[in-house]
PDB file of N, CA and C in Angstrom:
ATOM      1  N   MET A   1       8.917   6.271 -11.648  1.00  0.00           N
ATOM      2  CA  MET A   1       8.200   7.494 -11.384  1.00  0.00           C
ATOM      3  C   MET A   1       7.543   7.464  -9.997  1.00  0.00           C
ATOM      4  N   TYR A   2       6.937   6.343  -9.656  1.00  0.00           N
ATOM      5  CA  TYR A   2       6.214   6.255  -8.387  1.00  0.00           C
ATOM      6  C   TYR A   2       7.089   5.793  -7.229  1.00  0.00           C
ATOM      7  N   ARG A   3       8.277   5.319  -7.518  1.00  0.00           N
ATOM      8  CA  ARG A   3       9.107   4.740  -6.471  1.00  0.00           C
ATOM      9  C   ARG A   3       9.438   5.731  -5.357  1.00  0.00           C
ATOM     10  N   ASP A   4       9.739   6.971  -5.731  1.00  0.00           N
ATOM     11  CA  ASP A   4      10.039   7.980  -4.698  1.00  0.00           C
ATOM     12  C   ASP A   4       8.802   8.270  -3.847  1.00  0.00           C
ATOM     13  N   LEU A   5       7.629   8.331  -4.485  1.00  0.00           N
ATOM     14  CA  LEU A   5       6.388   8.559  -3.736  1.00  0.00           C
ATOM     15  C   LEU A   5       6.082   7.387  -2.806  1.00  0.00           C
ATOM     16  N   ILE A   6       6.345   6.187  -3.290  1.00  0.00           N
ATOM     17  CA  ILE A   6       6.119   5.003  -2.465  1.00  0.00           C
ATOM     18  C   ILE A   6       7.054   5.020  -1.262  1.00  0.00           C
ATOM     19  N   ARG A   7       8.338   5.286  -1.507  1.00  0.00           N
ATOM     20  CA  ARG A   7       9.308   5.338  -0.416  1.00  0.00           C
ATOM     21  C   ARG A   7       8.903   6.401   0.604  1.00  0.00           C
ATOM     22  N   HIS A   8       8.516   7.571   0.120  1.00  0.00           N
ATOM     23  CA  HIS A   8       8.105   8.665   1.004  1.00  0.00           C
ATOM     24  C   HIS A   8       6.879   8.263   1.826  1.00  0.00           C
ATOM     25  N   SER A   9       5.907   7.632   1.196  1.00  0.00           N
ATOM     26  CA  SER A   9       4.699   7.194   1.903  1.00  0.00           C
ATOM     27  C   SER A   9       5.034   6.163   2.968  1.00  0.00           C
ATOM     28  N   MET A  10       5.941   5.250   2.648  1.00  0.00           N
ATOM     29  CA  MET A  10       6.319   4.225   3.610  1.00  0.00           C
ATOM     30  C   MET A  10       6.993   4.852   4.833  1.00  0.00           C
ATOM     31  N   GLU A  11       7.813   5.855   4.592  1.00  0.00           N
ATOM     32  CA  GLU A  11       8.460   6.555   5.703  1.00  0.00           C
ATOM     33  C   GLU A  11       7.430   7.293   6.553  1.00  0.00           C
ATOM     34  N   GLN A  12       6.477   7.954   5.908  1.00  0.00           N
ATOM     35  CA  GLN A  12       5.450   8.690   6.643  1.00  0.00           C
ATOM     36  C   GLN A  12       4.555   7.771   7.459  1.00  0.00           C
ATOM     37  N   LEU A  13       4.273   6.599   6.927  1.00  0.00           N
ATOM     38  CA  LEU A  13       3.375   5.657   7.603  1.00  0.00           C
ATOM     39  C   LEU A  13       4.089   4.817   8.660  1.00  0.00           C
ATOM     40  N   HIS A  14       5.418   4.863   8.685  1.00  0.00           N
ATOM     41  CA  HIS A  14       6.190   4.049   9.629  1.00  0.00           C
ATOM     42  C   HIS A  14       5.719   2.595   9.587  1.00  0.00           C
ATOM     43  N   LEU A  15       5.738   2.020   8.388  1.00  0.00           N
ATOM     44  CA  LEU A  15       5.218   0.666   8.208  1.00  0.00           C
ATOM     45  C   LEU A  15       6.029  -0.369   8.973  1.00  0.00           C
ATOM     46  N   PRO A  16       5.397  -1.464   9.396  1.00  0.00           N
ATOM     47  CA  PRO A  16       6.067  -2.506  10.174  1.00  0.00           C
ATOM     48  C   PRO A  16       7.210  -3.165   9.405  1.00  0.00           C
ATOM     49  N   THR A  17       8.148  -3.696  10.130  1.00  0.00           N
ATOM     50  CA  THR A  17       9.294  -4.359   9.521  1.00  0.00           C
ATOM     51  C   THR A  17       8.901  -5.747   9.041  1.00  0.00           C
ATOM     52  N   PHE A  18       9.013  -5.960   7.746  1.00  0.00           N
ATOM     53  CA  PHE A  18       8.787  -7.277   7.153  1.00  0.00           C
ATOM     54  C   PHE A  18      10.075  -7.769   6.510  1.00  0.00           C
ATOM     55  N   GLY A  19      11.140  -7.005   6.601  1.00  0.00           N
ATOM     56  CA  GLY A  19      12.385  -7.320   5.905  1.00  0.00           C
ATOM     57  C   GLY A  19      12.508  -6.425   4.693  1.00  0.00           C
ATOM     58  N   PRO A  20      13.549  -6.644   3.902  1.00  0.00           N
ATOM     59  CA  PRO A  20      13.726  -5.803   2.721  1.00  0.00           C
ATOM     60  C   PRO A  20      12.618  -6.060   1.714  1.00  0.00           C
ATOM     61  N   VAL A  21      12.021  -5.009   1.248  1.00  0.00           N
ATOM     62  CA  VAL A  21      10.939  -5.105   0.271  1.00  0.00           C
ATOM     63  C   VAL A  21      11.301  -4.226  -0.913  1.00  0.00           C
ATOM     64  N   ASP A  22      11.218  -4.784  -2.094  1.00  0.00           N
ATOM     65  CA  ASP A  22      11.537  -4.086  -3.320  1.00  0.00           C
ATOM     66  C   ASP A  22      10.412  -3.092  -3.645  1.00  0.00           C
ATOM     67  N   LEU A  23      10.771  -1.866  -3.950  1.00  0.00           N
ATOM     68  CA  LEU A  23       9.757  -0.861  -4.262  1.00  0.00           C
ATOM     69  C   LEU A  23       8.933  -1.245  -5.491  1.00  0.00           C
ATOM     70  N   ALA A  24       9.540  -1.961  -6.430  1.00  0.00           N
ATOM     71  CA  ALA A  24       8.785  -2.428  -7.595  1.00  0.00           C
ATOM     72  C   ALA A  24       7.687  -3.402  -7.168  1.00  0.00           C
ATOM     73  N   THR A  25       7.954  -4.189  -6.127  1.00  0.00           N
ATOM     74  CA  THR A  25       6.952  -5.127  -5.619  1.00  0.00           C
ATOM     75  C   THR A  25       5.784  -4.376  -5.002  1.00  0.00           C
ATOM     76  N   ILE A  26       6.065  -3.319  -4.247  1.00  0.00           N
ATOM     77  CA  ILE A  26       4.996  -2.501  -3.661  1.00  0.00           C
ATOM     78  C   ILE A  26       4.161  -1.887  -4.775  1.00  0.00           C
ATOM     79  N   GLU A  27       4.825  -1.325  -5.779  1.00  0.00           N
ATOM     80  CA  GLU A  27       4.099  -0.726  -6.903  1.00  0.00           C
ATOM     81  C   GLU A  27       3.252  -1.771  -7.632  1.00  0.00           C
ATOM     82  N   ALA A  28       3.802  -2.962  -7.822  1.00  0.00           N
ATOM     83  CA  ALA A  28       3.059  -4.019  -8.519  1.00  0.00           C
ATOM     84  C   ALA A  28       1.782  -4.380  -7.777  1.00  0.00           C
ATOM     85  N   TRP A  29       1.875  -4.555  -6.454  1.00  0.00           N
ATOM     86  CA  TRP A  29       0.672  -4.885  -5.684  1.00  0.00           C
ATOM     87  C   TRP A  29      -0.319  -3.731  -5.697  1.00  0.00           C
ATOM     88  N   MET A  30       0.170  -2.491  -5.733  1.00  0.00           N
ATOM     89  CA  MET A  30      -0.740  -1.343  -5.824  1.00  0.00           C
ATOM     90  C   MET A  30      -1.513  -1.387  -7.141  1.00  0.00           C
ATOM     91  N   ARG A  31      -0.840  -1.823  -8.202  1.00  0.00           N
ATOM     92  CA  ARG A  31      -1.467  -1.833  -9.532  1.00  0.00           C
ATOM     93  C   ARG A  31      -2.457  -2.982  -9.727  1.00  0.00           C
ATOM     94  N   VAL A  32      -2.465  -3.948  -8.827  1.00  0.00           N
ATOM     95  CA  VAL A  32      -3.480  -5.008  -8.906  1.00  0.00           C
ATOM     96  C   VAL A  32      -4.868  -4.378  -8.765  1.00  0.00           C
ATOM     97  N   GLU A  33      -5.018  -3.452  -7.841  1.00  0.00           N
ATOM     98  CA  GLU A  33      -6.299  -2.775  -7.619  1.00  0.00           C
ATOM     99  C   GLU A  33      -6.427  -1.488  -8.417  1.00  0.00           C
ATOM    100  N   ASN A  34      -5.292  -0.881  -8.776  1.00  0.00           N
ATOM    101  CA  ASN A  34      -5.296   0.424  -9.444  1.00  0.00           C
ATOM    102  C   ASN A  34      -4.343   0.387 -10.636  1.00  0.00           C
ATOM    103  N   PRO A  35      -4.828  -0.016 -11.814  1.00  0.00           N
ATOM    104  CA  PRO A  35      -3.940  -0.109 -12.972  1.00  0.00           C
ATOM    105  C   PRO A  35      -3.161   1.189 -13.244  1.00  0.00           C
ATOM    106  N   THR A  36      -3.778   2.320 -12.950  1.00  0.00           N
ATOM    107  CA  THR A  36      -3.070   3.592 -13.022  1.00  0.00           C
ATOM    108  C   THR A  36      -3.135   4.232 -11.642  1.00  0.00           C
ATOM    109  N   LEU A  37      -2.051   4.858 -11.233  1.00  0.00           N
ATOM    110  CA  LEU A  37      -1.982   5.437  -9.897  1.00  0.00           C
ATOM    111  C   LEU A  37      -2.186   6.945  -9.909  1.00  0.00           C
ATOM    112  N   ASP A  38      -2.299   7.528 -11.096  1.00  0.00           N
ATOM    113  CA  ASP A  38      -2.419   8.985 -11.226  1.00  0.00           C
ATOM    114  C   ASP A  38      -3.671   9.557 -10.580  1.00  0.00           C
ATOM    115  N   HIS A  39      -4.743   8.804 -10.543  1.00  0.00           N
ATOM    116  CA  HIS A  39      -6.020   9.319 -10.035  1.00  0.00           C
ATOM    117  C   HIS A  39      -6.132   9.306  -8.509  1.00  0.00           C
ATOM    118  N   LEU A  40      -5.184   8.669  -7.830  1.00  0.00           N
ATOM    119  CA  LEU A  40      -5.272   8.545  -6.371  1.00  0.00           C
ATOM    120  C   LEU A  40      -4.929   9.858  -5.673  1.00  0.00           C
ATOM    121  N   THR A  41      -5.717  10.198  -4.659  1.00  0.00           N
ATOM    122  CA  THR A  41      -5.377  11.351  -3.823  1.00  0.00           C
ATOM    123  C   THR A  41      -4.164  10.957  -2.983  1.00  0.00           C
ATOM    124  N   PRO A  42      -3.469  11.912  -2.372  1.00  0.00           N
ATOM    125  CA  PRO A  42      -2.342  11.547  -1.510  1.00  0.00           C
ATOM    126  C   PRO A  42      -2.733  10.571  -0.402  1.00  0.00           C
ATOM    127  N   GLU A  43      -3.913  10.753   0.158  1.00  0.00           N
ATOM    128  CA  GLU A  43      -4.373   9.863   1.217  1.00  0.00           C
ATOM    129  C   GLU A  43      -4.640   8.464   0.675  1.00  0.00           C
ATOM    130  N   GLN A  44      -5.265   8.385  -0.492  1.00  0.00           N
ATOM    131  CA  GLN A  44      -5.530   7.085  -1.107  1.00  0.00           C
ATOM    132  C   GLN A  44      -4.220   6.391  -1.483  1.00  0.00           C
ATOM    133  N   PHE A  45      -3.267   7.177  -1.989  1.00  0.00           N
ATOM    134  CA  PHE A  45      -1.973   6.624  -2.361  1.00  0.00           C
ATOM    135  C   PHE A  45      -1.297   6.003  -1.143  1.00  0.00           C
ATOM    136  N   GLN A  46      -1.296   6.719  -0.024  1.00  0.00           N
ATOM    137  CA  GLN A  46      -0.696   6.188   1.202  1.00  0.00           C
ATOM    138  C   GLN A  46      -1.395   4.911   1.650  1.00  0.00           C
ATOM    139  N   HIS A  47      -2.712   4.912   1.583  1.00  0.00           N
ATOM    140  CA  HIS A  47      -3.472   3.718   1.957  1.00  0.00           C
ATOM    141  C   HIS A  47      -3.072   2.537   1.071  1.00  0.00           C
ATOM    142  N   GLU A  48      -2.989   2.773  -0.223  1.00  0.00           N
ATOM    143  CA  GLU A  48      -2.627   1.704  -1.155  1.00  0.00           C
ATOM    144  C   GLU A  48      -1.198   1.214  -0.909  1.00  0.00           C
ATOM    145  N   VAL A  49      -0.288   2.109  -0.536  1.00  0.00           N
ATOM    146  CA  VAL A  49       1.074   1.704  -0.190  1.00  0.00           C
ATOM    147  C   VAL A  49       1.041   0.770   1.015  1.00  0.00           C
ATOM    148  N   ALA A  50       0.273   1.133   2.020  1.00  0.00           N
ATOM    149  CA  ALA A  50       0.186   0.315   3.237  1.00  0.00           C
ATOM    150  C   ALA A  50      -0.384  -1.069   2.933  1.00  0.00           C
ATOM    151  N   VAL A  51      -1.440  -1.119   2.151  1.00  0.00           N
ATOM    152  CA  VAL A  51      -2.054  -2.404   1.799  1.00  0.00           C
ATOM    153  C   VAL A  51      -1.091  -3.237   0.951  1.00  0.00           C
ATOM    154  N   ALA A  52      -0.427  -2.603  -0.013  1.00  0.00           N
ATOM    155  CA  ALA A  52       0.513  -3.318  -0.884  1.00  0.00           C
ATOM    156  C   ALA A  52       1.699  -3.852  -0.098  1.00  0.00           C
ATOM    157  N   ALA A  53       2.202  -3.085   0.861  1.00  0.00           N
ATOM    158  CA  ALA A  53       3.330  -3.538   1.680  1.00  0.00           C
ATOM    159  C   ALA A  53       2.938  -4.760   2.505  1.00  0.00           C
ATOM    160  N   ALA A  54       1.741  -4.731   3.071  1.00  0.00           N
ATOM    161  CA  ALA A  54       1.265  -5.874   3.855  1.00  0.00           C
ATOM    162  C   ALA A  54       1.076  -7.100   2.962  1.00  0.00           C
ATOM    163  N   THR A  55       0.541  -6.890   1.773  1.00  0.00           N
ATOM    164  CA  THR A  55       0.319  -7.992   0.841  1.00  0.00           C
ATOM    165  C   THR A  55       1.652  -8.594   0.398  1.00  0.00           C
ATOM    166  N   ALA A  56       2.608  -7.741   0.068  1.00  0.00           N
ATOM    167  CA  ALA A  56       3.929  -8.215  -0.366  1.00  0.00           C
ATOM    168  C   ALA A  56       4.614  -9.010   0.735  1.00  0.00           C
ATOM    169  N   ALA A  57       4.375  -8.604   1.971  1.00  0.00           N
ATOM    170  CA  ALA A  57       5.014  -9.276   3.100  1.00  0.00           C
ATOM    171  C   ALA A  57       4.492 -10.695   3.316  1.00  0.00           C
ATOM    172  N   ILE A  58       3.223 -10.925   2.987  1.00  0.00           N
ATOM    173  CA  ILE A  58       2.670 -12.266   3.210  1.00  0.00           C
ATOM    174  C   ILE A  58       2.717 -13.130   1.953  1.00  0.00           C
ATOM    175  N   ALA A  59       2.987 -12.513   0.807  1.00  0.00           N
ATOM    176  CA  ALA A  59       3.123 -13.277  -0.443  1.00  0.00           C
ATOM    177  C   ALA A  59       4.509 -13.915  -0.473  1.00  0.00           C
ATOM    178  N   SER A  60       4.613 -14.989  -1.222  1.00  0.00           N
ATOM    179  CA  SER A  60       5.925 -15.636  -1.350  1.00  0.00           C
ATOM    180  C   SER A  60       6.810 -14.798  -2.278  1.00  0.00           C
ATOM    181  N   GLU A  61       8.101 -15.036  -2.187  1.00  0.00           N
ATOM    182  CA  GLU A  61       9.043 -14.323  -3.058  1.00  0.00           C
ATOM    183  C   GLU A  61       8.734 -14.617  -4.525  1.00  0.00           C
ATOM    184  N   GLN A  62       8.349 -15.857  -4.812  1.00  0.00           N
ATOM    185  CA  GLN A  62       8.008 -16.235  -6.181  1.00  0.00           C
ATOM    186  C   GLN A  62       6.768 -15.490  -6.674  1.00  0.00           C
ATOM    187  N   GLU A  63       5.755 -15.370  -5.805  1.00  0.00           N
ATOM    188  CA  GLU A  63       4.541 -14.636  -6.190  1.00  0.00           C
ATOM    189  C   GLU A  63       4.858 -13.162  -6.450  1.00  0.00           C
ATOM    190  N   ASN A  64       5.645 -12.573  -5.557  1.00  0.00           N
ATOM    191  CA  ASN A  64       6.013 -11.169  -5.737  1.00  0.00           C
ATOM    192  C   ASN A  64       6.783 -10.964  -7.036  1.00  0.00           C
ATOM    193  N   ARG A  65       7.777 -11.807  -7.288  1.00  0.00           N
ATOM    194  CA  ARG A  65       8.608 -11.664  -8.486  1.00  0.00           C
ATOM    195  C   ARG A  65       7.766 -11.879  -9.738  1.00  0.00           C
ATOM    196  N   ALA A  66       6.870 -12.862  -9.734  1.00  0.00           N
ATOM    197  CA  ALA A  66       6.018 -13.124 -10.898  1.00  0.00           C
ATOM    198  C   ALA A  66       5.120 -11.931 -11.195  1.00  0.00           C
ATOM    199  N   LEU A  67       4.576 -11.322 -10.152  1.00  0.00           N
ATOM    200  CA  LEU A  67       3.715 -10.155 -10.358  1.00  0.00           C
ATOM    201  C   LEU A  67       4.511  -8.993 -10.939  1.00  0.00           C
ATOM    202  N   VAL A  68       5.676  -8.729 -10.378  1.00  0.00           N
ATOM    203  CA  VAL A  68       6.525  -7.638 -10.875  1.00  0.00           C
ATOM    204  C   VAL A  68       6.873  -7.868 -12.344  1.00  0.00           C
ATOM    205  N   THR A  69       7.241  -9.087 -12.670  1.00  0.00           N
ATOM    206  CA  THR A  69       7.611  -9.415 -14.045  1.00  0.00           C
ATOM    207  C   THR A  69       6.417  -9.292 -14.985  1.00  0.00           C
ATOM    208  N   SER A  70       5.250  -9.768 -14.551  1.00  0.00           N
ATOM    209  CA  SER A  70       4.065  -9.726 -15.414  1.00  0.00           C
ATOM    210  C   SER A  70       3.639  -8.299 -15.749  1.00  0.00           C
ATOM    211  N   LEU A  71       3.957  -7.358 -14.861  1.00  0.00           N
ATOM    212  CA  LEU A  71       3.610  -5.964 -15.110  1.00  0.00           C
ATOM    213  C   LEU A  71       4.750  -5.185 -15.763  1.00  0.00           C
ATOM    214  N   GLY A  72       5.860  -5.859 -16.022  1.00  0.00           N
ATOM    215  CA  GLY A  72       6.999  -5.207 -16.669  1.00  0.00           C
ATOM    216  C   GLY A  72       7.723  -4.221 -15.774  1.00  0.00           C
ATOM    217  N   LEU A  73       7.574  -4.388 -14.470  1.00  0.00           N
ATOM    218  CA  LEU A  73       8.206  -3.451 -13.538  1.00  0.00           C
ATOM    219  C   LEU A  73       9.605  -3.899 -13.125  1.00  0.00           C
ATOM    220  N   ASP A  74      10.063  -5.026 -13.672  1.00  0.00           N
ATOM    221  CA  ASP A  74      11.386  -5.541 -13.327  1.00  0.00           C
ATOM    222  C   ASP A  74      12.484  -4.959 -14.216  1.00  0.00           C
ATOM    223  N   GLN A  75      12.138  -3.995 -15.043  1.00  0.00           N
ATOM    224  CA  GLN A  75      13.112  -3.388 -15.944  1.00  0.00           C
ATOM    225  C   GLN A  75      14.023  -2.407 -15.220  1.00  0.00           C
ATOM    226  N   ASP A  76      13.569  -1.891 -14.092  1.00  0.00           N
ATOM    227  CA  ASP A  76      14.364  -0.941 -13.318  1.00  0.00           C
ATOM    228  C   ASP A  76      15.233  -1.687 -12.322  1.00  0.00           C
ATOM    229  N   VAL A  77      16.295  -1.043 -11.901  1.00  0.00           N
ATOM    230  CA  VAL A  77      17.130  -1.611 -10.844  1.00  0.00           C
ATOM    231  C   VAL A  77      16.329  -1.559  -9.555  1.00  0.00           C
ATOM    232  N   PRO A  78      16.162  -2.684  -8.843  1.00  0.00           N
ATOM    233  CA  PRO A  78      15.365  -2.681  -7.614  1.00  0.00           C
ATOM    234  C   PRO A  78      15.989  -1.793  -6.544  1.00  0.00           C
ATOM    235  N   LEU A  79      15.147  -1.072  -5.866  1.00  0.00           N
ATOM    236  CA  LEU A  79      15.570  -0.251  -4.745  1.00  0.00           C
ATOM    237  C   LEU A  79      14.971  -0.870  -3.500  1.00  0.00           C
ATOM    238  N   ALA A  80      15.789  -1.473  -2.663  1.00  0.00           N
ATOM    239  CA  ALA A  80      15.279  -2.143  -1.472  1.00  0.00           C
ATOM    240  C   ALA A  80      15.132  -1.137  -0.341  1.00  0.00           C
ATOM    241  N   VAL A  81      14.092  -1.292   0.404  1.00  0.00           N
ATOM    242  CA  VAL A  81      13.872  -0.456   1.579  1.00  0.00           C
ATOM    243  C   VAL A  81      13.543  -1.361   2.742  1.00  0.00           C
ATOM    244  N   ALA A  82      13.922  -0.976   3.921  1.00  0.00           N
ATOM    245  CA  ALA A  82      13.570  -1.726   5.121  1.00  0.00           C
ATOM    246  C   ALA A  82      12.411  -1.011   5.786  1.00  0.00           C
ATOM    247  N   LEU A  83      11.368  -1.733   6.049  1.00  0.00           N
ATOM    248  CA  LEU A  83      10.204  -1.155   6.703  1.00  0.00           C
ATOM    249  C   LEU A  83      10.470  -1.093   8.204  1.00  0.00           C
ATOM    250  N   VAL A  84       9.958  -0.064   8.857  1.00  0.00           N
ATOM    251  CA  VAL A  84      10.194   0.113  10.281  1.00  0.00           C
ATOM    252  C   VAL A  84       8.916  -0.088  11.077  1.00  0.00           C
ATOM    253  N   ASP A  85       9.027  -0.168  12.412  1.00  0.00           N
ATOM    254  CA  ASP A  85       7.863  -0.401  13.257  1.00  0.00           C
ATOM    255  C   ASP A  85       6.775   0.631  13.032  1.00  0.00           C
ATOM    256  N   ALA A  86       5.515   0.188  13.143  1.00  0.00           N
ATOM    257  CA  ALA A  86       4.401   1.078  12.874  1.00  0.00           C
ATOM    258  C   ALA A  86       3.124   0.573  13.513  1.00  0.00           C
ATOM    259  N   PRO A  87       2.089   1.421  13.470  1.00  0.00           N
ATOM    260  CA  PRO A  87       0.786   0.996  13.957  1.00  0.00           C
ATOM    261  C   PRO A  87       0.198  -0.086  13.063  1.00  0.00           C
ATOM    262  N   ALA A  88      -0.737  -0.830  13.606  1.00  0.00           N
ATOM    263  CA  ALA A  88      -1.347  -1.923  12.858  1.00  0.00           C
ATOM    264  C   ALA A  88      -2.432  -1.439  11.895  1.00  0.00           C
ATOM    265  N   ASN A  89      -2.859  -0.201  12.011  1.00  0.00           N
ATOM    266  CA  ASN A  89      -3.939   0.315  11.168  1.00  0.00           C
ATOM    267  C   ASN A  89      -3.575   1.669  10.590  1.00  0.00           C
ATOM    268  N   VAL A  90      -4.203   1.983   9.464  1.00  0.00           N
ATOM    269  CA  VAL A  90      -4.114   3.321   8.885  1.00  0.00           C
ATOM    270  C   VAL A  90      -5.531   3.823   8.697  1.00  0.00           C
ATOM    271  N   ALA A  91      -5.686   5.127   8.686  1.00  0.00           N
ATOM    272  CA  ALA A  91      -7.024   5.693   8.496  1.00  0.00           C
ATOM    273  C   ALA A  91      -7.565   5.311   7.131  1.00  0.00           C
ATOM    274  N   CYS A  92      -8.826   4.982   7.097  1.00  0.00           N
ATOM    275  CA  CYS A  92      -9.498   4.636   5.855  1.00  0.00           C
ATOM    276  C   CYS A  92      -9.493   5.849   4.919  1.00  0.00           C
ATOM    277  N   ALA A  93      -9.065   5.628   3.672  1.00  0.00           N
ATOM    278  CA  ALA A  93      -8.990   6.726   2.706  1.00  0.00           C
ATOM    279  C   ALA A  93     -10.381   7.164   2.225  1.00  0.00           C
ATOM    280  N   TRP A  94     -11.356   6.280   2.280  1.00  0.00           N
ATOM    281  CA  TRP A  94     -12.677   6.598   1.747  1.00  0.00           C
ATOM    282  C   TRP A  94     -13.471   7.490   2.685  1.00  0.00           C
ATOM    283  N   CYS A  95     -13.383   7.263   3.977  1.00  0.00           N
ATOM    284  CA  CYS A  95     -14.170   8.067   4.923  1.00  0.00           C
ATOM    285  C   CYS A  95     -13.291   9.016   5.725  1.00  0.00           C
ATOM    286  N   GLY A  96     -11.975   8.984   5.465  1.00  0.00           N
ATOM    287  CA  GLY A  96     -11.064   9.856   6.183  1.00  0.00           C
ATOM    288  C   GLY A  96     -10.879   9.480   7.644  1.00  0.00           C
ATOM    289  N   GLY A  97     -11.240   8.270   7.997  1.00  0.00           N
ATOM    290  CA  GLY A  97     -11.069   7.796   9.361  1.00  0.00           C
ATOM    291  C   GLY A  97     -12.275   8.004  10.252  1.00  0.00           C
ATOM    292  N   SER A  98     -13.350   8.562   9.700  1.00  0.00           N
ATOM    293  CA  SER A  98     -14.537   8.812  10.524  1.00  0.00           C
ATOM    294  C   SER A  98     -15.464   7.603  10.616  1.00  0.00           C
ATOM    295  N   GLY A  99     -15.376   6.704   9.636  1.00  0.00           N
ATOM    296  CA  GLY A  99     -16.265   5.546   9.601  1.00  0.00           C
ATOM    297  C   GLY A  99     -17.589   5.828   8.912  1.00  0.00           C
ATOM    298  N   VAL A 100     -17.811   7.103   8.550  1.00  0.00           N
ATOM    299  CA  VAL A 100     -19.068   7.497   7.909  1.00  0.00           C
ATOM    300  C   VAL A 100     -18.739   8.283   6.642  1.00  0.00           C
ATOM    301  N   LEU A 101     -19.412   7.951   5.555  1.00  0.00           N
ATOM    302  CA  LEU A 101     -19.218   8.667   4.301  1.00  0.00           C
ATOM    303  C   LEU A 101     -19.961  10.000   4.319  1.00  0.00           C
ATOM    304  N   ALA A 102     -19.647  10.862   3.361  1.00  0.00           N
ATOM    305  CA  ALA A 102     -20.302  12.172   3.269  1.00  0.00           C
ATOM    306  C   ALA A 102     -21.816  12.036   3.099  1.00  0.00           C
ATOM    307  N   THR A 103     -22.253  10.912   2.567  1.00  0.00           N
ATOM    308  CA  THR A 103     -23.684  10.663   2.377  1.00  0.00           C
ATOM    309  C   THR A 103     -24.385  10.308   3.677  1.00  0.00           C
ATOM    310  N   GLY A 104     -23.595  10.110   4.756  1.00  0.00           N
ATOM    311  CA  GLY A 104     -24.171   9.729   6.039  1.00  0.00           C
ATOM    312  C   GLY A 104     -24.242   8.231   6.245  1.00  0.00           C
ATOM    313  N   LYS A 105     -23.868   7.454   5.204  1.00  0.00           N
ATOM    314  CA  LYS A 105     -23.893   5.999   5.318  1.00  0.00           C
ATOM    315  C   LYS A 105     -22.595   5.499   5.932  1.00  0.00           C
ATOM    316  N   VAL A 106     -22.681   4.349   6.582  1.00  0.00           N
ATOM    317  CA  VAL A 106     -21.491   3.715   7.148  1.00  0.00           C
ATOM    318  C   VAL A 106     -20.576   3.323   5.997  1.00  0.00           C
ATOM    319  N   CYS A 107     -19.308   3.603   6.157  1.00  0.00           N
ATOM    320  CA  CYS A 107     -18.312   3.296   5.131  1.00  0.00           C
ATOM    321  C   CYS A 107     -18.180   1.775   4.995  1.00  0.00           C
ATOM    322  N   ALA A 108     -18.390   1.256   3.797  1.00  0.00           N
ATOM    323  CA  ALA A 108     -18.281  -0.180   3.557  1.00  0.00           C
ATOM    324  C   ALA A 108     -16.825  -0.624   3.481  1.00  0.00           C
ATOM    325  N   GLU A 109     -15.936   0.276   3.099  1.00  0.00           N
ATOM    326  CA  GLU A 109     -14.517  -0.076   2.978  1.00  0.00           C
ATOM    327  C   GLU A 109     -13.919  -0.472   4.329  1.00  0.00           C
ATOM    328  N   CYS A 110     -14.192   0.316   5.360  1.00  0.00           N
ATOM    329  CA  CYS A 110     -13.637   0.016   6.690  1.00  0.00           C
ATOM    330  C   CYS A 110     -14.703  -0.538   7.634  1.00  0.00           C
ATOM    331  N   GLU A 111     -15.912  -0.718   7.113  1.00  0.00           N
ATOM    332  CA  GLU A 111     -17.045  -1.238   7.873  1.00  0.00           C
ATOM    333  C   GLU A 111     -17.360  -0.382   9.098  1.00  0.00           C
ATOM    334  N   GLY A 112     -17.162   0.933   8.942  1.00  0.00           N
ATOM    335  CA  GLY A 112     -17.516   1.868   9.996  1.00  0.00           C
ATOM    336  C   GLY A 112     -16.484   2.036  11.088  1.00  0.00           C
ATOM    337  N   THR A 113     -15.346   1.346  10.968  1.00  0.00           N
ATOM    338  CA  THR A 113     -14.334   1.468  12.017  1.00  0.00           C
ATOM    339  C   THR A 113     -13.448   2.693  11.828  1.00  0.00           C
ATOM    340  N   GLY A 114     -13.347   3.183  10.596  1.00  0.00           N
ATOM    341  CA  GLY A 114     -12.482   4.327  10.294  1.00  0.00           C
ATOM    342  C   GLY A 114     -11.037   3.959  10.069  1.00  0.00           C
ATOM    343  N   ALA A 115     -10.706   2.667  10.164  1.00  0.00           N
ATOM    344  CA  ALA A 115      -9.316   2.239  10.001  1.00  0.00           C
ATOM    345  C   ALA A 115      -9.254   0.975   9.158  1.00  0.00           C
ATOM    346  N   ILE A 116      -8.130   0.825   8.487  1.00  0.00           N
ATOM    347  CA  ILE A 116      -7.870  -0.356   7.677  1.00  0.00           C
ATOM    348  C   ILE A 116      -6.656  -1.050   8.264  1.00  0.00           C
ATOM    349  N   ALA A 117      -6.764  -2.326   8.547  1.00  0.00           N
ATOM    350  CA  ALA A 117      -5.629  -3.091   9.069  1.00  0.00           C
ATOM    351  C   ALA A 117      -4.585  -3.262   7.990  1.00  0.00           C
ATOM    352  N   VAL A 118      -3.327  -3.085   8.335  1.00  0.00           N
ATOM    353  CA  VAL A 118      -2.254  -3.255   7.352  1.00  0.00           C
ATOM    354  C   VAL A 118      -1.245  -4.316   7.733  1.00  0.00           C
ATOM    355  N   THR A 119      -1.403  -4.930   8.875  1.00  0.00           N
ATOM    356  CA  THR A 119      -0.475  -6.003   9.233  1.00  0.00           C
ATOM    357  C   THR A 119      -1.174  -7.341   9.115  1.00  0.00           C
ATOM    358  N   PRO A 120      -0.410  -8.368   8.682  1.00  0.00           N
ATOM    359  CA  PRO A 120      -1.036  -9.691   8.524  1.00  0.00           C
ATOM    360  C   PRO A 120      -1.380 -10.319   9.858  1.00  0.00           C
TER     361      PRO A 120
END
């Protein structure tokens, strides 16, 4: 269900090339922080895709496969995608890239920078 959204987000974000990455692996890493993905806004979803792609790229193949299997996401046929060159940061989903929350406080998620690093 989420694989098409993940693929679309990866294309929109022009994520860096880490080699072939299984979409189930991206979804699995997204679910570590978000057991359900339905509540995410489009911006939050894109942010989570970027973070999951970076995490999958630095994790070992065994770690990625174990996570996918533990979440039961290995039941589908893997769809491999190649990530392409991209910026090193994406706008913070919590503050919208401003570095300041609606309350006027500095965003703790991006520490006021307005961006989240996505490359290792």
